[in-house]
Amino acid sequence: MNPEILAKIAIWRQKAVEGTLSKEEMVEAIKLIREDRVSAVRASESGRKAKAQAVIPAADDLLAELGNL
C-alpha cells in the first residue's frame, strides 16, 4: 500500500476508536482494503495453485450488510 492509503487507514482507525467514523468513511475503508487484498491474492496465485485459498466474501455483500445497520 502506498503511504497515502496507510495514512488514511490510521485516521480511520483512530476515528473508529473514538466512535466518530462515519458510514461513508467505513465504506471507503472497506473498498480500499478489499481492493488491496484482491490484488495481493492475484499476485500470489501462481505460487499457491496447489494450496487451498480462503474464501474472501464479496465486497458488495459486506457493503450491503453495512448499509443495513
Protein backbone atom coordinates (compact mmCIF):
# COMPACT_ATOMS: atom_id res chain seq x y z
CA MET A 1 0.00 0.00 0.00
CA ASN A 2 1.14 3.48 -0.65
CA PRO A 3 1.81 5.94 2.20
CA GLU A 4 -1.32 7.99 1.47
CA ILE A 5 -3.58 4.97 1.92
CA LEU A 6 -1.73 3.91 5.07
CA ALA A 7 -2.26 7.41 6.50
CA LYS A 8 -5.99 7.24 5.71
CA ILE A 9 -6.25 3.86 7.40
CA ALA A 10 -4.52 5.23 10.51
CA ILE A 11 -7.00 8.11 10.64
CA TRP A 12 -9.96 5.75 10.19
CA ARG A 13 -8.66 3.51 12.97
CA GLN A 14 -8.40 6.46 15.33
CA LYS A 15 -11.90 7.63 14.42
CA ALA A 16 -13.23 4.09 14.96
CA VAL A 17 -11.69 4.01 18.44
CA GLU A 18 -13.21 7.41 19.21
CA GLY A 19 -16.58 6.38 17.77
CA THR A 20 -16.59 9.17 15.17
CA LEU A 21 -16.09 7.10 12.00
CA SER A 22 -18.91 7.83 9.54
CA LYS A 23 -20.64 5.22 7.39
CA GLU A 24 -19.18 6.85 4.28
CA GLU A 25 -15.65 6.59 5.68
CA MET A 26 -16.31 2.98 6.65
CA VAL A 27 -17.44 2.17 3.11
CA GLU A 28 -14.36 3.85 1.64
CA ALA A 29 -12.08 1.99 4.06
CA ILE A 30 -13.64 -1.37 3.23
CA LYS A 31 -13.33 -0.73 -0.51
CA LEU A 32 -9.65 0.25 -0.27
CA ILE A 33 -8.71 -2.64 1.99
CA ARG A 34 -10.63 -5.18 -0.11
CA GLU A 35 -9.07 -3.83 -3.29
CA ASP A 36 -5.60 -4.36 -1.86
CA ARG A 37 -6.43 -7.90 -0.70
CA VAL A 38 -7.80 -8.93 -4.09
CA SER A 39 -4.70 -7.64 -5.88
CA ALA A 40 -2.47 -9.47 -3.40
CA VAL A 41 -4.33 -12.73 -4.00
CA ARG A 42 -3.99 -12.35 -7.76
CA ALA A 43 -0.28 -11.64 -7.48
CA SER A 44 0.38 -14.74 -5.43
CA GLU A 45 -1.97 -17.18 -7.22
CA SER A 46 0.76 -18.73 -9.31
CA GLY A 47 2.76 -19.65 -6.21
CA ARG A 48 -0.21 -21.12 -4.36
CA LYS A 49 -2.02 -23.14 -7.01
CA ALA A 50 -1.66 -26.36 -5.03
CA LYS A 51 -2.85 -24.79 -1.76
CA ALA A 52 -6.49 -24.14 -0.96
CA GLN A 53 -7.32 -20.46 -0.77
CA ALA A 54 -9.56 -18.92 1.86
CA VAL A 55 -12.88 -17.69 0.55
CA ILE A 56 -12.99 -13.91 0.52
CA PRO A 57 -16.52 -12.55 0.87
CA ALA A 58 -17.66 -10.27 -1.92
CA ALA A 59 -17.15 -6.60 -1.10
CA ASP A 60 -20.66 -5.80 -2.34
CA ASP A 61 -22.13 -8.24 0.21
CA LEU A 62 -20.14 -6.64 3.04
CA LEU A 63 -21.17 -3.15 1.97
CA ALA A 64 -24.83 -4.23 1.73
CA GLU A 65 -24.64 -5.51 5.30
CA LEU A 66 -23.13 -2.20 6.38
CA GLY A 67 -25.98 -0.33 4.70
CA ASN A 68 -28.50 -2.34 6.73
CA LEU A 69 -27.11 -1.14 10.06
